[in-house]
């Protein structure tokens, strides 16, 4: 069985707001890092600005579709798991009610209620099977059925996030045919976006904004370095 402390942790993780934040941060960062690495790499391989732009747009479209579909499938799988867990709790309440009642008592005892209070609360919860099942889902498993995520909404949020993250490294190649100037601005915009994303994440999570910003910039920096190395290697091969 899942401990009460773990249940509260899981309950927080599965709220729609928390998941939306995670989707936005993950999607923007994925689009930003992957497309930055790609445009830096193809620029280093001495491709023309037009071909660099086409490669960036194609990669952004592919990343958007792939991430959105992945988010849709993962959210659907999560919802199906939650439903199956509720069905299991329903069966247990019907087939082994005494054991389930003891679990309710154990939860209330763990929360510090007195013996009399535990008995009264347990009687109240177990007097209605729907309430009983909902209680077990929330307190034992950390799952609240009224907070299930919409697969289509999650996919849409992820797709939009990836698109937003893909814009900074691609935009300079739209505005200028000067490859070196476009590359410089792509890297600068990627760094600024990475730092802003890190700060945003820290503000939401109430963490250290400076440390978070630097961490996100470091990730983007790694993508730039990998892109440069890969691009030079490709220029030698092709």
C-alpha atoms as a PDB file:
ATOM      1  CA  UNK A   1       0.000   0.000   0.000  1.00  0.00           C
ATOM      2  CA  UNK A   2       1.104   3.591  -0.616  1.00  0.00           C
ATOM      3  CA  UNK A   3       2.026   5.571   2.470  1.00  0.00           C
ATOM      4  CA  UNK A   4       0.045   8.626   3.408  1.00  0.00           C
ATOM      5  CA  UNK A   5       2.985  10.943   2.830  1.00  0.00           C
ATOM      6  CA  UNK A   6       3.496   9.495  -0.645  1.00  0.00           C
ATOM      7  CA  UNK A   7      -0.205   9.827  -1.320  1.00  0.00           C
ATOM      8  CA  UNK A   8      -0.144  13.549  -0.603  1.00  0.00           C
ATOM      9  CA  UNK A   9       2.907  13.918  -2.846  1.00  0.00           C
ATOM     10  CA  UNK A  10       1.226  12.062  -5.682  1.00  0.00           C
ATOM     11  CA  UNK A  11      -1.968  14.054  -5.188  1.00  0.00           C
ATOM     12  CA  UNK A  12      -0.054  17.273  -5.742  1.00  0.00           C
ATOM     13  CA  UNK A  13       1.688  15.939  -8.830  1.00  0.00           C
ATOM     14  CA  UNK A  14      -1.555  14.866 -10.515  1.00  0.00           C
ATOM     15  CA  UNK A  15      -3.435  18.133 -10.205  1.00  0.00           C
ATOM     16  CA  UNK A  16      -4.174  19.740 -13.606  1.00  0.00           C
ATOM     17  CA  UNK A  17      -2.359  22.960 -12.705  1.00  0.00           C
ATOM     18  CA  UNK A  18       0.847  21.167 -11.791  1.00  0.00           C
ATOM     19  CA  UNK A  19       0.737  19.083 -14.959  1.00  0.00           C
ATOM     20  CA  UNK A  20       0.100  22.140 -17.167  1.00  0.00           C
ATOM     21  CA  UNK A  21       3.130  23.866 -15.693  1.00  0.00           C
ATOM     22  CA  UNK A  22       5.228  20.787 -16.328  1.00  0.00           C
ATOM     23  CA  UNK A  23       3.948  20.518 -19.907  1.00  0.00           C
ATOM     24  CA  UNK A  24       4.717  24.175 -20.657  1.00  0.00           C
ATOM     25  CA  UNK A  25       8.225  24.060 -19.184  1.00  0.00           C
ATOM     26  CA  UNK A  26       9.034  20.720 -20.789  1.00  0.00           C
ATOM     27  CA  UNK A  27       7.558  21.665 -24.168  1.00  0.00           C
ATOM     28  CA  UNK A  28       9.157  25.108 -24.441  1.00  0.00           C
ATOM     29  CA  UNK A  29      12.514  23.781 -23.308  1.00  0.00           C
ATOM     30  CA  UNK A  30      12.343  20.825 -25.702  1.00  0.00           C
ATOM     31  CA  UNK A  31      11.478  23.017 -28.665  1.00  0.00           C
ATOM     32  CA  UNK A  32      14.107  25.593 -27.746  1.00  0.00           C
ATOM     33  CA  UNK A  33      16.966  23.177 -27.075  1.00  0.00           C
ATOM     34  CA  UNK A  34      16.330  20.762 -29.945  1.00  0.00           C
ATOM     35  CA  UNK A  35      15.792  23.432 -32.609  1.00  0.00           C
ATOM     36  CA  UNK A  36      18.695  25.567 -31.357  1.00  0.00           C
ATOM     37  CA  UNK A  37      20.984  22.561 -31.548  1.00  0.00           C
ATOM     38  CA  UNK A  38      19.738  21.778 -35.043  1.00  0.00           C
ATOM     39  CA  UNK A  39      20.092  25.268 -36.544  1.00  0.00           C
ATOM     40  CA  UNK A  40      23.530  25.693 -34.976  1.00  0.00           C
ATOM     41  CA  UNK A  41      24.560  22.317 -36.360  1.00  0.00           C
ATOM     42  CA  UNK A  42      23.353  22.894 -39.910  1.00  0.00           C
ATOM     43  CA  UNK A  43      24.817  26.396 -39.884  1.00  0.00           C
ATOM     44  CA  UNK A  44      28.179  24.974 -38.843  1.00  0.00           C
ATOM     45  CA  UNK A  45      27.897  22.490 -41.700  1.00  0.00           C
ATOM     46  CA  UNK A  46      27.817  25.518 -44.054  1.00  0.00           C
ATOM     47  CA  UNK A  47      24.328  25.070 -45.400  1.00  0.00           C
ATOM     48  CA  UNK A  48      22.659  28.035 -47.093  1.00  0.00           C
ATOM     49  CA  UNK A  49      20.329  30.275 -45.003  1.00  0.00           C
ATOM     50  CA  UNK A  50      17.350  29.039 -47.024  1.00  0.00           C
ATOM     51  CA  UNK A  51      18.136  25.401 -46.329  1.00  0.00           C
ATOM     52  CA  UNK A  52      18.810  26.153 -42.667  1.00  0.00           C
ATOM     53  CA  UNK A  53      15.390  27.776 -42.387  1.00  0.00           C
ATOM     54  CA  UNK A  54      13.684  24.840 -44.093  1.00  0.00           C
ATOM     55  CA  UNK A  55      15.486  22.369 -41.842  1.00  0.00           C
ATOM     56  CA  UNK A  56      14.512  24.355 -38.744  1.00  0.00           C
ATOM     57  CA  UNK A  57      10.865  24.607 -39.750  1.00  0.00           C
ATOM     58  CA  UNK A  58      10.682  20.910 -40.625  1.00  0.00           C
ATOM     59  CA  UNK A  59      12.279  19.947 -37.319  1.00  0.00           C
ATOM     60  CA  UNK A  60       9.941  22.257 -35.389  1.00  0.00           C
ATOM     61  CA  UNK A  61       6.887  20.750 -37.069  1.00  0.00           C
ATOM     62  CA  UNK A  62       8.098  17.214 -36.400  1.00  0.00           C
ATOM     63  CA  UNK A  63       8.905  18.000 -32.768  1.00  0.00           C
ATOM     64  CA  UNK A  64       5.508  19.644 -32.241  1.00  0.00           C
ATOM     65  CA  UNK A  65       3.575  16.674 -33.635  1.00  0.00           C
ATOM     66  CA  UNK A  66       5.708  14.083 -31.853  1.00  0.00           C
ATOM     67  CA  UNK A  67       5.552  15.793 -28.457  1.00  0.00           C
ATOM     68  CA  UNK A  68       1.805  16.490 -28.739  1.00  0.00           C
ATOM     69  CA  UNK A  69       1.002  12.887 -29.688  1.00  0.00           C
ATOM     70  CA  UNK A  70       3.277  11.609 -26.924  1.00  0.00           C
ATOM     71  CA  UNK A  71       1.502  13.821 -24.414  1.00  0.00           C
ATOM     72  CA  UNK A  72      -1.894  12.645 -25.659  1.00  0.00           C
ATOM     73  CA  UNK A  73      -0.934   8.985 -25.322  1.00  0.00           C
ATOM     74  CA  UNK A  74       0.664   9.398 -21.893  1.00  0.00           C
ATOM     75  CA  UNK A  75      -2.326  11.337 -20.540  1.00  0.00           C
ATOM     76  CA  UNK A  76      -4.737   8.747 -21.939  1.00  0.00           C
ATOM     77  CA  UNK A  77      -2.711   5.952 -20.347  1.00  0.00           C
ATOM     78  CA  UNK A  78      -2.676   7.788 -17.016  1.00  0.00           C
ATOM     79  CA  UNK A  79      -6.438   8.305 -17.075  1.00  0.00           C
ATOM     80  CA  UNK A  80      -7.022   4.656 -17.921  1.00  0.00           C
ATOM     81  CA  UNK A  81      -4.813   3.652 -15.007  1.00  0.00           C
ATOM     82  CA  UNK A  82      -6.736   5.920 -12.623  1.00  0.00           C
ATOM     83  CA  UNK A  83     -10.052   4.454 -13.787  1.00  0.00           C
ATOM     84  CA  UNK A  84      -8.760   0.899 -13.366  1.00  0.00           C
ATOM     85  CA  UNK A  85      -7.597   1.740  -9.828  1.00  0.00           C
ATOM     86  CA  UNK A  86     -11.037   3.093  -8.967  1.00  0.00           C
ATOM     87  CA  UNK A  87     -12.674  -0.052 -10.333  1.00  0.00           C
ATOM     88  CA  UNK A  88     -10.338  -2.101  -8.159  1.00  0.00           C
ATOM     89  CA  UNK A  89     -11.270  -0.070  -5.074  1.00  0.00           C
ATOM     90  CA  UNK A  90     -14.961  -0.573  -5.880  1.00  0.00           C
ATOM     91  CA  UNK A  91     -14.427  -4.336  -5.992  1.00  0.00           C
ATOM     92  CA  UNK A  92     -12.488  -4.335  -2.729  1.00  0.00           C
ATOM     93  CA  UNK A  93     -15.180  -2.323  -0.943  1.00  0.00           C
ATOM     94  CA  UNK A  94     -17.770  -4.825  -2.149  1.00  0.00           C
ATOM     95  CA  UNK A  95     -15.772  -8.040  -1.626  1.00  0.00           C
ATOM     96  CA  UNK A  96     -13.562  -7.332   1.406  1.00  0.00           C
ATOM     97  CA  UNK A  97     -15.331  -4.475   3.245  1.00  0.00           C
ATOM     98  CA  UNK A  98     -13.842  -5.309   6.652  1.00  0.00           C
ATOM     99  CA  UNK A  99     -10.266  -5.022   5.398  1.00  0.00           C
ATOM    100  CA  UNK A 100     -11.085  -1.765   3.636  1.00  0.00           C
ATOM    101  CA  UNK A 101     -12.725  -0.435   6.793  1.00  0.00           C
ATOM    102  CA  UNK A 102      -9.558  -1.239   8.741  1.00  0.00           C
ATOM    103  CA  UNK A 103      -7.559   0.729   6.188  1.00  0.00           C
ATOM    104  CA  UNK A 104      -9.842   3.739   6.696  1.00  0.00           C
ATOM    105  CA  UNK A 105      -9.328   3.478  10.451  1.00  0.00           C
ATOM    106  CA  UNK A 106      -5.559   3.211   9.995  1.00  0.00           C
ATOM    107  CA  UNK A 107      -5.498   6.346   7.862  1.00  0.00           C
ATOM    108  CA  UNK A 108      -7.431   8.379  10.437  1.00  0.00           C
ATOM    109  CA  UNK A 109      -5.269   7.033  13.259  1.00  0.00           C
ATOM    110  CA  UNK A 110      -2.170   8.058  11.337  1.00  0.00           C
ATOM    111  CA  UNK A 111      -3.631  11.549  11.025  1.00  0.00           C
ATOM    112  CA  UNK A 112      -3.790  11.800  14.822  1.00  0.00           C
ATOM    113  CA  UNK A 113      -7.506  11.467  15.549  1.00  0.00           C
ATOM    114  CA  UNK A 114      -8.644   9.985  18.849  1.00  0.00           C
ATOM    115  CA  UNK A 115     -10.229   6.530  19.084  1.00  0.00           C
ATOM    116  CA  UNK A 116     -13.729   8.007  19.330  1.00  0.00           C
ATOM    117  CA  UNK A 117     -13.128  10.341  16.409  1.00  0.00           C
ATOM    118  CA  UNK A 118     -11.681   7.518  14.303  1.00  0.00           C
ATOM    119  CA  UNK A 119     -14.789   5.414  14.898  1.00  0.00           C
ATOM    120  CA  UNK A 120     -17.166   8.254  14.079  1.00  0.00           C
ATOM    121  CA  UNK A 121     -15.257   9.291  10.934  1.00  0.00           C
ATOM    122  CA  UNK A 122     -14.918   5.706   9.748  1.00  0.00           C
ATOM    123  CA  UNK A 123     -18.630   5.079  10.221  1.00  0.00           C
ATOM    124  CA  UNK A 124     -19.402   8.246   8.301  1.00  0.00           C
ATOM    125  CA  UNK A 125     -17.099   7.433   5.367  1.00  0.00           C
ATOM    126  CA  UNK A 126     -18.117   3.790   5.058  1.00  0.00           C
ATOM    127  CA  UNK A 127     -21.839   4.537   5.255  1.00  0.00           C
ATOM    128  CA  UNK A 128     -21.798   5.528   1.569  1.00  0.00           C
ATOM    129  CA  UNK A 129     -19.921   3.326  -0.894  1.00  0.00           C
ATOM    130  CA  UNK A 130     -19.190   6.089  -3.399  1.00  0.00           C
ATOM    131  CA  UNK A 131     -17.817   8.296  -0.638  1.00  0.00           C
ATOM    132  CA  UNK A 132     -15.876   5.315   0.700  1.00  0.00           C
ATOM    133  CA  UNK A 133     -14.276   4.596  -2.679  1.00  0.00           C
ATOM    134  CA  UNK A 134     -13.446   8.274  -3.251  1.00  0.00           C
ATOM    135  CA  UNK A 135     -11.846   8.417   0.192  1.00  0.00           C
ATOM    136  CA  UNK A 136      -9.652   5.395  -0.533  1.00  0.00           C
ATOM    137  CA  UNK A 137      -8.670   6.786  -3.916  1.00  0.00           C
ATOM    138  CA  UNK A 138      -7.640  10.111  -2.417  1.00  0.00           C
ATOM    139  CA  UNK A 139      -6.058   9.082   0.866  1.00  0.00           C
ATOM    140  CA  UNK A 140      -4.575   5.707  -0.076  1.00  0.00           C
ATOM    141  CA  UNK A 141      -3.573   6.277  -3.701  1.00  0.00           C
ATOM    142  CA  UNK A 142      -3.450  10.061  -3.949  1.00  0.00           C
ATOM    143  CA  UNK A 143      -5.833  10.079  -6.921  1.00  0.00           C
ATOM    144  CA  UNK A 144      -8.767  12.473  -7.290  1.00  0.00           C
ATOM    145  CA  UNK A 145     -11.031  11.432 -10.132  1.00  0.00           C
ATOM    146  CA  UNK A 146     -12.446  14.927 -10.570  1.00  0.00           C
ATOM    147  CA  UNK A 147      -8.989  16.178 -11.570  1.00  0.00           C
ATOM    148  CA  UNK A 148      -8.375  13.856 -14.515  1.00  0.00           C
ATOM    149  CA  UNK A 149      -6.571  15.640 -17.335  1.00  0.00           C
ATOM    150  CA  UNK A 150      -8.032  16.010 -20.808  1.00  0.00           C
ATOM    151  CA  UNK A 151      -5.742  14.224 -23.309  1.00  0.00           C
ATOM    152  CA  UNK A 152      -6.595  16.715 -26.042  1.00  0.00           C
ATOM    153  CA  UNK A 153      -6.028  19.697 -23.770  1.00  0.00           C
ATOM    154  CA  UNK A 154      -2.685  18.303 -22.597  1.00  0.00           C
ATOM    155  CA  UNK A 155      -1.639  17.642 -26.189  1.00  0.00           C
ATOM    156  CA  UNK A 156      -2.647  21.159 -27.222  1.00  0.00           C
ATOM    157  CA  UNK A 157      -0.705  22.761 -24.376  1.00  0.00           C
ATOM    158  CA  UNK A 158       2.350  20.688 -25.239  1.00  0.00           C
ATOM    159  CA  UNK A 159       2.128  21.530 -28.959  1.00  0.00           C
ATOM    160  CA  UNK A 160       1.819  25.252 -28.276  1.00  0.00           C
ATOM    161  CA  UNK A 161       4.723  25.120 -25.829  1.00  0.00           C
ATOM    162  CA  UNK A 162       6.995  23.410 -28.362  1.00  0.00           C
ATOM    163  CA  UNK A 163       6.074  25.969 -31.026  1.00  0.00           C
ATOM    164  CA  UNK A 164       6.870  28.858 -28.661  1.00  0.00           C
ATOM    165  CA  UNK A 165      10.207  27.287 -27.804  1.00  0.00           C
ATOM    166  CA  UNK A 166      11.055  26.777 -31.483  1.00  0.00           C
ATOM    167  CA  UNK A 167      10.540  30.413 -32.481  1.00  0.00           C
ATOM    168  CA  UNK A 168      13.702  32.077 -31.015  1.00  0.00           C
ATOM    169  CA  UNK A 169      16.289  29.964 -32.883  1.00  0.00           C
ATOM    170  CA  UNK A 170      14.330  30.058 -36.160  1.00  0.00           C
ATOM    171  CA  UNK A 171      13.242  33.707 -36.228  1.00  0.00           C
ATOM    172  CA  UNK A 172      16.680  35.200 -37.107  1.00  0.00           C
ATOM    173  CA  UNK A 173      16.870  33.038 -40.236  1.00  0.00           C
ATOM    174  CA  UNK A 174      13.485  34.425 -41.307  1.00  0.00           C
ATOM    175  CA  UNK A 175      14.613  38.020 -40.878  1.00  0.00           C
ATOM    176  CA  UNK A 176      18.066  37.919 -42.476  1.00  0.00           C
ATOM    177  CA  UNK A 177      20.063  36.034 -45.110  1.00  0.00           C
ATOM    178  CA  UNK A 178      23.312  36.749 -43.261  1.00  0.00           C
ATOM    179  CA  UNK A 179      24.147  33.314 -41.855  1.00  0.00           C
ATOM    180  CA  UNK A 180      26.623  34.496 -39.228  1.00  0.00           C
ATOM    181  CA  UNK A 181      24.325  37.266 -38.013  1.00  0.00           C
ATOM    182  CA  UNK A 182      21.362  34.888 -37.873  1.00  0.00           C
ATOM    183  CA  UNK A 183      23.412  32.315 -35.937  1.00  0.00           C
ATOM    184  CA  UNK A 184      24.551  34.928 -33.435  1.00  0.00           C
ATOM    185  CA  UNK A 185      21.016  36.120 -32.809  1.00  0.00           C
ATOM    186  CA  UNK A 186      19.689  32.554 -32.632  1.00  0.00           C
ATOM    187  CA  UNK A 187      22.150  31.757 -29.849  1.00  0.00           C
ATOM    188  CA  UNK A 188      21.463  35.027 -28.017  1.00  0.00           C
ATOM    189  CA  UNK A 189      17.692  34.566 -28.173  1.00  0.00           C
ATOM    190  CA  UNK A 190      18.026  30.947 -27.063  1.00  0.00           C
ATOM    191  CA  UNK A 191      20.058  32.011 -24.021  1.00  0.00           C
ATOM    192  CA  UNK A 192      17.596  34.755 -23.110  1.00  0.00           C
ATOM    193  CA  UNK A 193      14.608  32.423 -23.524  1.00  0.00           C
ATOM    194  CA  UNK A 194      16.322  29.682 -21.527  1.00  0.00           C
ATOM    195  CA  UNK A 195      17.081  32.018 -18.652  1.00  0.00           C
ATOM    196  CA  UNK A 196      13.538  33.446 -18.697  1.00  0.00           C
ATOM    197  CA  UNK A 197      12.095  29.935 -18.711  1.00  0.00           C
ATOM    198  CA  UNK A 198      14.254  28.938 -15.776  1.00  0.00           C
ATOM    199  CA  UNK A 199      13.225  32.030 -13.834  1.00  0.00           C
ATOM    200  CA  UNK A 200       9.554  31.358 -14.591  1.00  0.00           C
ATOM    201  CA  UNK A 201       9.871  27.781 -13.390  1.00  0.00           C
ATOM    202  CA  UNK A 202      11.560  28.928 -10.192  1.00  0.00           C
ATOM    203  CA  UNK A 203       8.884  31.539  -9.514  1.00  0.00           C
ATOM    204  CA  UNK A 204       6.122  28.966  -9.884  1.00  0.00           C
ATOM    205  CA  UNK A 205       7.975  26.375  -7.808  1.00  0.00           C
ATOM    206  CA  UNK A 206       9.140  29.037  -5.308  1.00  0.00           C
ATOM    207  CA  UNK A 207      12.776  28.110  -5.894  1.00  0.00           C
ATOM    208  CA  UNK A 208      15.995  30.023  -6.491  1.00  0.00           C
ATOM    209  CA  UNK A 209      15.365  31.997  -9.700  1.00  0.00           C
ATOM    210  CA  UNK A 210      19.023  32.697 -10.432  1.00  0.00           C
ATOM    211  CA  UNK A 211      20.087  29.066 -10.025  1.00  0.00           C
ATOM    212  CA  UNK A 212      17.167  27.825 -12.101  1.00  0.00           C
ATOM    213  CA  UNK A 213      17.899  30.328 -14.870  1.00  0.00           C
ATOM    214  CA  UNK A 214      21.546  29.296 -15.049  1.00  0.00           C
ATOM    215  CA  UNK A 215      20.576  25.613 -15.171  1.00  0.00           C
ATOM    216  CA  UNK A 216      18.317  26.177 -18.170  1.00  0.00           C
ATOM    217  CA  UNK A 217      20.999  28.257 -19.913  1.00  0.00           C
ATOM    218  CA  UNK A 218      23.519  25.470 -19.311  1.00  0.00           C
ATOM    219  CA  UNK A 219      21.207  22.978 -21.013  1.00  0.00           C
ATOM    220  CA  UNK A 220      20.828  25.282 -24.020  1.00  0.00           C
ATOM    221  CA  UNK A 221      24.608  25.782 -24.045  1.00  0.00           C
ATOM    222  CA  UNK A 222      25.162  22.051 -24.257  1.00  0.00           C
ATOM    223  CA  UNK A 223      22.827  21.899 -27.245  1.00  0.00           C
ATOM    224  CA  UNK A 224      24.805  24.684 -28.946  1.00  0.00           C
ATOM    225  CA  UNK A 225      28.136  22.925 -28.373  1.00  0.00           C
ATOM    226  CA  UNK A 226      26.788  19.586 -29.581  1.00  0.00           C
ATOM    227  CA  UNK A 227      25.300  21.297 -32.629  1.00  0.00           C
ATOM    228  CA  UNK A 228      28.587  22.979 -33.530  1.00  0.00           C
ATOM    229  CA  UNK A 229      30.566  19.750 -33.178  1.00  0.00           C
ATOM    230  CA  UNK A 230      28.010  17.745 -35.157  1.00  0.00           C
ATOM    231  CA  UNK A 231      27.840  20.407 -37.858  1.00  0.00           C
ATOM    232  CA  UNK A 232      31.591  20.488 -38.361  1.00  0.00           C
ATOM    233  CA  UNK A 233      31.686  16.701 -38.500  1.00  0.00           C
ATOM    234  CA  UNK A 234      28.948  16.663 -41.130  1.00  0.00           C
ATOM    235  CA  UNK A 235      30.768  19.289 -43.193  1.00  0.00           C
ATOM    236  CA  UNK A 236      33.797  16.998 -43.316  1.00  0.00           C
ATOM    237  CA  UNK A 237      31.756  13.956 -44.300  1.00  0.00           C
ATOM    238  CA  UNK A 238      29.440  15.503 -46.888  1.00  0.00           C
END
